[in-house]
Amino acid sequence: MDPMMKMWVSFVGIGLMAIAAVIITLARLKTKGILRGVLSTTAFLLLVIGGLLGLFSIA
């Protein structure tokens, strides 16, 4: 993978992690019940995908 592609992959990973942080913050402050669980699960998945993209861009 060329360096420019690695840069864009890492940017997407960083963006997904930032979105996950915003979602989990909103879920914990503003929601209750099943919606909170759905948002937390979504945030966790985005965090994992963002982390994997970050690792992928290093290799």
PDB file of N, CA and C in Angstrom:
ATOM      1  N   MET A   1       0.852  -1.167   0.000  1.00  0.00           N
ATOM      2  CA  MET A   1       0.000   0.000   0.000  1.00  0.00           C
ATOM      3  C   MET A   1       0.899   1.232   0.000  1.00  0.00           C
ATOM      4  N   ASP A   2       0.565   2.186  -0.842  1.00  0.00           N
ATOM      5  CA  ASP A   2       1.383   3.391  -0.927  1.00  0.00           C
ATOM      6  C   ASP A   2       1.131   4.305   0.281  1.00  0.00           C
ATOM      7  N   PRO A   3       2.050   5.207   0.556  1.00  0.00           N
ATOM      8  CA  PRO A   3       1.940   6.051   1.752  1.00  0.00           C
ATOM      9  C   PRO A   3       0.673   6.912   1.808  1.00  0.00           C
ATOM     10  N   MET A   4       0.204   7.402   0.659  1.00  0.00           N
ATOM     11  CA  MET A   4      -1.015   8.226   0.668  1.00  0.00           C
ATOM     12  C   MET A   4      -2.235   7.411   1.085  1.00  0.00           C
ATOM     13  N   MET A   5      -2.315   6.172   0.628  1.00  0.00           N
ATOM     14  CA  MET A   5      -3.426   5.307   1.007  1.00  0.00           C
ATOM     15  C   MET A   5      -3.368   4.993   2.502  1.00  0.00           C
ATOM     16  N   LYS A   6      -2.163   4.766   3.020  1.00  0.00           N
ATOM     17  CA  LYS A   6      -2.012   4.536   4.459  1.00  0.00           C
ATOM     18  C   LYS A   6      -2.485   5.747   5.261  1.00  0.00           C
ATOM     19  N   MET A   7      -2.191   6.943   4.755  1.00  0.00           N
ATOM     20  CA  MET A   7      -2.618   8.155   5.440  1.00  0.00           C
ATOM     21  C   MET A   7      -4.141   8.226   5.497  1.00  0.00           C
ATOM     22  N   TRP A   8      -4.808   7.955   4.383  1.00  0.00           N
ATOM     23  CA  TRP A   8      -6.264   8.036   4.351  1.00  0.00           C
ATOM     24  C   TRP A   8      -6.903   6.957   5.218  1.00  0.00           C
ATOM     25  N   VAL A   9      -6.321   5.766   5.218  1.00  0.00           N
ATOM     26  CA  VAL A   9      -6.838   4.693   6.072  1.00  0.00           C
ATOM     27  C   VAL A   9      -6.709   5.084   7.538  1.00  0.00           C
ATOM     28  N   SER A  10      -5.591   5.690   7.909  1.00  0.00           N
ATOM     29  CA  SER A  10      -5.419   6.109   9.299  1.00  0.00           C
ATOM     30  C   SER A  10      -6.375   7.244   9.655  1.00  0.00           C
ATOM     31  N   PHE A  11      -6.637   8.160   8.725  1.00  0.00           N
ATOM     32  CA  PHE A  11      -7.609   9.233   8.975  1.00  0.00           C
ATOM     33  C   PHE A  11      -9.009   8.667   9.207  1.00  0.00           C
ATOM     34  N   VAL A  12      -9.384   7.678   8.417  1.00  0.00           N
ATOM     35  CA  VAL A  12     -10.697   7.047   8.600  1.00  0.00           C
ATOM     36  C   VAL A  12     -10.758   6.370   9.966  1.00  0.00           C
ATOM     37  N   GLY A  13      -9.688   5.690  10.359  1.00  0.00           N
ATOM     38  CA  GLY A  13      -9.640   5.059  11.674  1.00  0.00           C
ATOM     39  C   GLY A  13      -9.766   6.070  12.799  1.00  0.00           C
ATOM     40  N   ILE A  14      -9.061   7.180  12.690  1.00  0.00           N
ATOM     41  CA  ILE A  14      -9.146   8.242  13.705  1.00  0.00           C
ATOM     42  C   ILE A  14     -10.557   8.828  13.745  1.00  0.00           C
ATOM     43  N   GLY A  15     -11.139   9.037  12.580  1.00  0.00           N
ATOM     44  CA  GLY A  15     -12.503   9.573  12.507  1.00  0.00           C
ATOM     45  C   GLY A  15     -13.516   8.637  13.149  1.00  0.00           C
ATOM     46  N   LEU A  16     -13.390   7.332  12.889  1.00  0.00           N
ATOM     47  CA  LEU A  16     -14.315   6.376  13.496  1.00  0.00           C
ATOM     48  C   LEU A  16     -14.181   6.356  15.014  1.00  0.00           C
ATOM     49  N   MET A  17     -12.955   6.478  15.502  1.00  0.00           N
ATOM     50  CA  MET A  17     -12.754   6.501  16.952  1.00  0.00           C
ATOM     51  C   MET A  17     -13.333   7.776  17.567  1.00  0.00           C
ATOM     52  N   ALA A  18     -13.218   8.885  16.870  1.00  0.00           N
ATOM     53  CA  ALA A  18     -13.798  10.136  17.372  1.00  0.00           C
ATOM     54  C   ALA A  18     -15.322  10.063  17.391  1.00  0.00           C
ATOM     55  N   ILE A  19     -15.903   9.495  16.343  1.00  0.00           N
ATOM     56  CA  ILE A  19     -17.355   9.327  16.297  1.00  0.00           C
ATOM     57  C   ILE A  19     -17.815   8.403  17.422  1.00  0.00           C
ATOM     58  N   ALA A  20     -17.043   7.338  17.677  1.00  0.00           N
ATOM     59  CA  ALA A  20     -17.385   6.423  18.771  1.00  0.00           C
ATOM     60  C   ALA A  20     -17.369   7.142  20.112  1.00  0.00           C
ATOM     61  N   ALA A  21     -16.401   8.021  20.323  1.00  0.00           N
ATOM     62  CA  ALA A  21     -16.334   8.769  21.584  1.00  0.00           C
ATOM     63  C   ALA A  21     -17.540   9.680  21.752  1.00  0.00           C
ATOM     64  N   VAL A  22     -17.964  10.335  20.675  1.00  0.00           N
ATOM     65  CA  VAL A  22     -19.136  11.208  20.742  1.00  0.00           C
ATOM     66  C   VAL A  22     -20.405  10.395  21.004  1.00  0.00           C
ATOM     67  N   ILE A  23     -20.537   9.265  20.326  1.00  0.00           N
ATOM     68  CA  ILE A  23     -21.730   8.427  20.505  1.00  0.00           C
ATOM     69  C   ILE A  23     -21.815   7.901  21.933  1.00  0.00           C
ATOM     70  N   ILE A  24     -20.716   7.417  22.488  1.00  0.00           N
ATOM     71  CA  ILE A  24     -20.766   6.864  23.834  1.00  0.00           C
ATOM     72  C   ILE A  24     -21.038   7.955  24.864  1.00  0.00           C
ATOM     73  N   THR A  25     -20.516   9.159  24.617  1.00  0.00           N
ATOM     74  CA  THR A  25     -20.798  10.269  25.528  1.00  0.00           C
ATOM     75  C   THR A  25     -22.279  10.624  25.499  1.00  0.00           C
ATOM     76  N   LEU A  26     -22.852  10.735  24.315  1.00  0.00           N
ATOM     77  CA  LEU A  26     -24.282  11.035  24.197  1.00  0.00           C
ATOM     78  C   LEU A  26     -25.137   9.910  24.785  1.00  0.00           C
ATOM     79  N   ALA A  27     -24.726   8.668  24.560  1.00  0.00           N
ATOM     80  CA  ALA A  27     -25.495   7.539  25.074  1.00  0.00           C
ATOM     81  C   ALA A  27     -25.532   7.550  26.599  1.00  0.00           C
ATOM     82  N   ARG A  28     -24.421   7.862  27.221  1.00  0.00           N
ATOM     83  CA  ARG A  28     -24.377   7.833  28.684  1.00  0.00           C
ATOM     84  C   ARG A  28     -25.036   9.040  29.315  1.00  0.00           C
ATOM     85  N   LEU A  29     -25.027  10.172  28.639  1.00  0.00           N
ATOM     86  CA  LEU A  29     -25.601  11.381  29.235  1.00  0.00           C
ATOM     87  C   LEU A  29     -27.081  11.579  28.915  1.00  0.00           C
ATOM     88  N   LYS A  30     -27.522  11.176  27.736  1.00  0.00           N
ATOM     89  CA  LYS A  30     -28.845  11.571  27.265  1.00  0.00           C
ATOM     90  C   LYS A  30     -29.860  10.437  27.106  1.00  0.00           C
ATOM     91  N   THR A  31     -29.434   9.177  27.142  1.00  0.00           N
ATOM     92  CA  THR A  31     -30.370   8.099  26.836  1.00  0.00           C
ATOM     93  C   THR A  31     -30.450   7.096  27.981  1.00  0.00           C
ATOM     94  N   LYS A  32     -31.504   6.278  27.934  1.00  0.00           N
ATOM     95  CA  LYS A  32     -31.714   5.201  28.897  1.00  0.00           C
ATOM     96  C   LYS A  32     -32.304   4.009  28.166  1.00  0.00           C
ATOM     97  N   GLY A  33     -32.217   2.867  28.788  1.00  0.00           N
ATOM     98  CA  GLY A  33     -32.874   1.673  28.267  1.00  0.00           C
ATOM     99  C   GLY A  33     -32.163   1.059  27.079  1.00  0.00           C
ATOM    100  N   ILE A  34     -32.978   0.518  26.180  1.00  0.00           N
ATOM    101  CA  ILE A  34     -32.438  -0.236  25.057  1.00  0.00           C
ATOM    102  C   ILE A  34     -31.692   0.663  24.071  1.00  0.00           C
ATOM    103  N   LEU A  35     -32.118   1.912  23.935  1.00  0.00           N
ATOM    104  CA  LEU A  35     -31.413   2.833  23.040  1.00  0.00           C
ATOM    105  C   LEU A  35     -29.976   3.044  23.512  1.00  0.00           C
ATOM    106  N   ARG A  36     -29.786   3.124  24.816  1.00  0.00           N
ATOM    107  CA  ARG A  36     -28.450   3.275  25.374  1.00  0.00           C
ATOM    108  C   ARG A  36     -27.581   2.067  25.020  1.00  0.00           C
ATOM    109  N   GLY A  37     -28.161   0.885  25.106  1.00  0.00           N
ATOM    110  CA  GLY A  37     -27.430  -0.331  24.754  1.00  0.00           C
ATOM    111  C   GLY A  37     -27.071  -0.392  23.285  1.00  0.00           C
ATOM    112  N   VAL A  38     -28.005  -0.001  22.438  1.00  0.00           N
ATOM    113  CA  VAL A  38     -27.754  -0.008  20.995  1.00  0.00           C
ATOM    114  C   VAL A  38     -26.653   0.994  20.641  1.00  0.00           C
ATOM    115  N   LEU A  39     -26.739   2.195  21.209  1.00  0.00           N
ATOM    116  CA  LEU A  39     -25.716   3.208  20.929  1.00  0.00           C
ATOM    117  C   LEU A  39     -24.351   2.787  21.471  1.00  0.00           C
ATOM    118  N   SER A  40     -24.320   2.180  22.640  1.00  0.00           N
ATOM    119  CA  SER A  40     -23.055   1.730  23.211  1.00  0.00           C
ATOM    120  C   SER A  40     -22.432   0.623  22.364  1.00  0.00           C
ATOM    121  N   THR A  41     -23.258  -0.302  21.896  1.00  0.00           N
ATOM    122  CA  THR A  41     -22.759  -1.375  21.036  1.00  0.00           C
ATOM    123  C   THR A  41     -22.241  -0.813  19.714  1.00  0.00           C
ATOM    124  N   THR A  42     -22.964   0.126  19.147  1.00  0.00           N
ATOM    125  CA  THR A  42     -22.523   0.762  17.905  1.00  0.00           C
ATOM    126  C   THR A  42     -21.192   1.479  18.107  1.00  0.00           C
ATOM    127  N   ALA A  43     -21.071   2.203  19.215  1.00  0.00           N
ATOM    128  CA  ALA A  43     -19.829   2.911  19.504  1.00  0.00           C
ATOM    129  C   ALA A  43     -18.673   1.933  19.680  1.00  0.00           C
ATOM    130  N   PHE A  44     -18.936   0.815  20.352  1.00  0.00           N
ATOM    131  CA  PHE A  44     -17.891  -0.190  20.538  1.00  0.00           C
ATOM    132  C   PHE A  44     -17.431  -0.758  19.197  1.00  0.00           C
ATOM    133  N   LEU A  45     -18.374  -1.062  18.330  1.00  0.00           N
ATOM    134  CA  LEU A  45     -18.012  -1.597  17.011  1.00  0.00           C
ATOM    135  C   LEU A  45     -17.208  -0.585  16.198  1.00  0.00           C
ATOM    136  N   LEU A  46     -17.608   0.675  16.244  1.00  0.00           N
ATOM    137  CA  LEU A  46     -16.853   1.710  15.533  1.00  0.00           C
ATOM    138  C   LEU A  46     -15.440   1.839  16.100  1.00  0.00           C
ATOM    139  N   LEU A  47     -15.314   1.722  17.422  1.00  0.00           N
ATOM    140  CA  LEU A  47     -14.003   1.801  18.049  1.00  0.00           C
ATOM    141  C   LEU A  47     -13.114   0.646  17.615  1.00  0.00           C
ATOM    142  N   VAL A  48     -13.665  -0.547  17.571  1.00  0.00           N
ATOM    143  CA  VAL A  48     -12.884  -1.720  17.153  1.00  0.00           C
ATOM    144  C   VAL A  48     -12.469  -1.590  15.691  1.00  0.00           C
ATOM    145  N   ILE A  49     -13.393  -1.194  14.828  1.00  0.00           N
ATOM    146  CA  ILE A  49     -13.070  -1.035  13.407  1.00  0.00           C
ATOM    147  C   ILE A  49     -12.019   0.054  13.220  1.00  0.00           C
ATOM    148  N   GLY A  50     -12.161   1.166  13.933  1.00  0.00           N
ATOM    149  CA  GLY A  50     -11.170   2.244  13.853  1.00  0.00           C
ATOM    150  C   GLY A  50      -9.799   1.790  14.317  1.00  0.00           C
ATOM    151  N   GLY A  51      -9.764   1.008  15.387  1.00  0.00           N
ATOM    152  CA  GLY A  51      -8.486   0.478  15.869  1.00  0.00           C
ATOM    153  C   GLY A  51      -7.843  -0.474  14.879  1.00  0.00           C
ATOM    154  N   LEU A  52      -8.657  -1.325  14.261  1.00  0.00           N
ATOM    155  CA  LEU A  52      -8.121  -2.246  13.257  1.00  0.00           C
ATOM    156  C   LEU A  52      -7.593  -1.501  12.036  1.00  0.00           C
ATOM    157  N   LEU A  53      -8.286  -0.454  11.633  1.00  0.00           N
ATOM    158  CA  LEU A  53      -7.795   0.348  10.509  1.00  0.00           C
ATOM    159  C   LEU A  53      -6.487   1.046  10.876  1.00  0.00           C
ATOM    160  N   GLY A  54      -6.382   1.504  12.120  1.00  0.00           N
ATOM    161  CA  GLY A  54      -5.133   2.115  12.572  1.00  0.00           C
ATOM    162  C   GLY A  54      -3.977   1.123  12.535  1.00  0.00           C
ATOM    163  N   LEU A  55      -4.229  -0.088  13.002  1.00  0.00           N
ATOM    164  CA  LEU A  55      -3.182  -1.116  12.946  1.00  0.00           C
ATOM    165  C   LEU A  55      -2.847  -1.488  11.504  1.00  0.00           C
ATOM    166  N   PHE A  56      -3.875  -1.541  10.659  1.00  0.00           N
ATOM    167  CA  PHE A  56      -3.664  -1.864   9.255  1.00  0.00           C
ATOM    168  C   PHE A  56      -2.817  -0.805   8.552  1.00  0.00           C
ATOM    169  N   SER A  57      -2.979   0.449   8.943  1.00  0.00           N
ATOM    170  CA  SER A  57      -2.224   1.511   8.293  1.00  0.00           C
ATOM    171  C   SER A  57      -0.757   1.515   8.738  1.00  0.00           C
ATOM    172  N   ILE A  58      -0.465   0.960   9.896  1.00  0.00           N
ATOM    173  CA  ILE A  58       0.918   0.870  10.361  1.00  0.00           C
ATOM    174  C   ILE A  58       1.688  -0.202   9.594  1.00  0.00           C
ATOM    175  N   ALA A  59       1.047  -1.322   9.348  1.00  0.00           N
ATOM    176  CA  ALA A  59       1.724  -2.469   8.715  1.00  0.00           C
ATOM    177  C   ALA A  59       2.002  -2.254   7.247  1.00  0.00           C
TER     178      ALA A  59
END
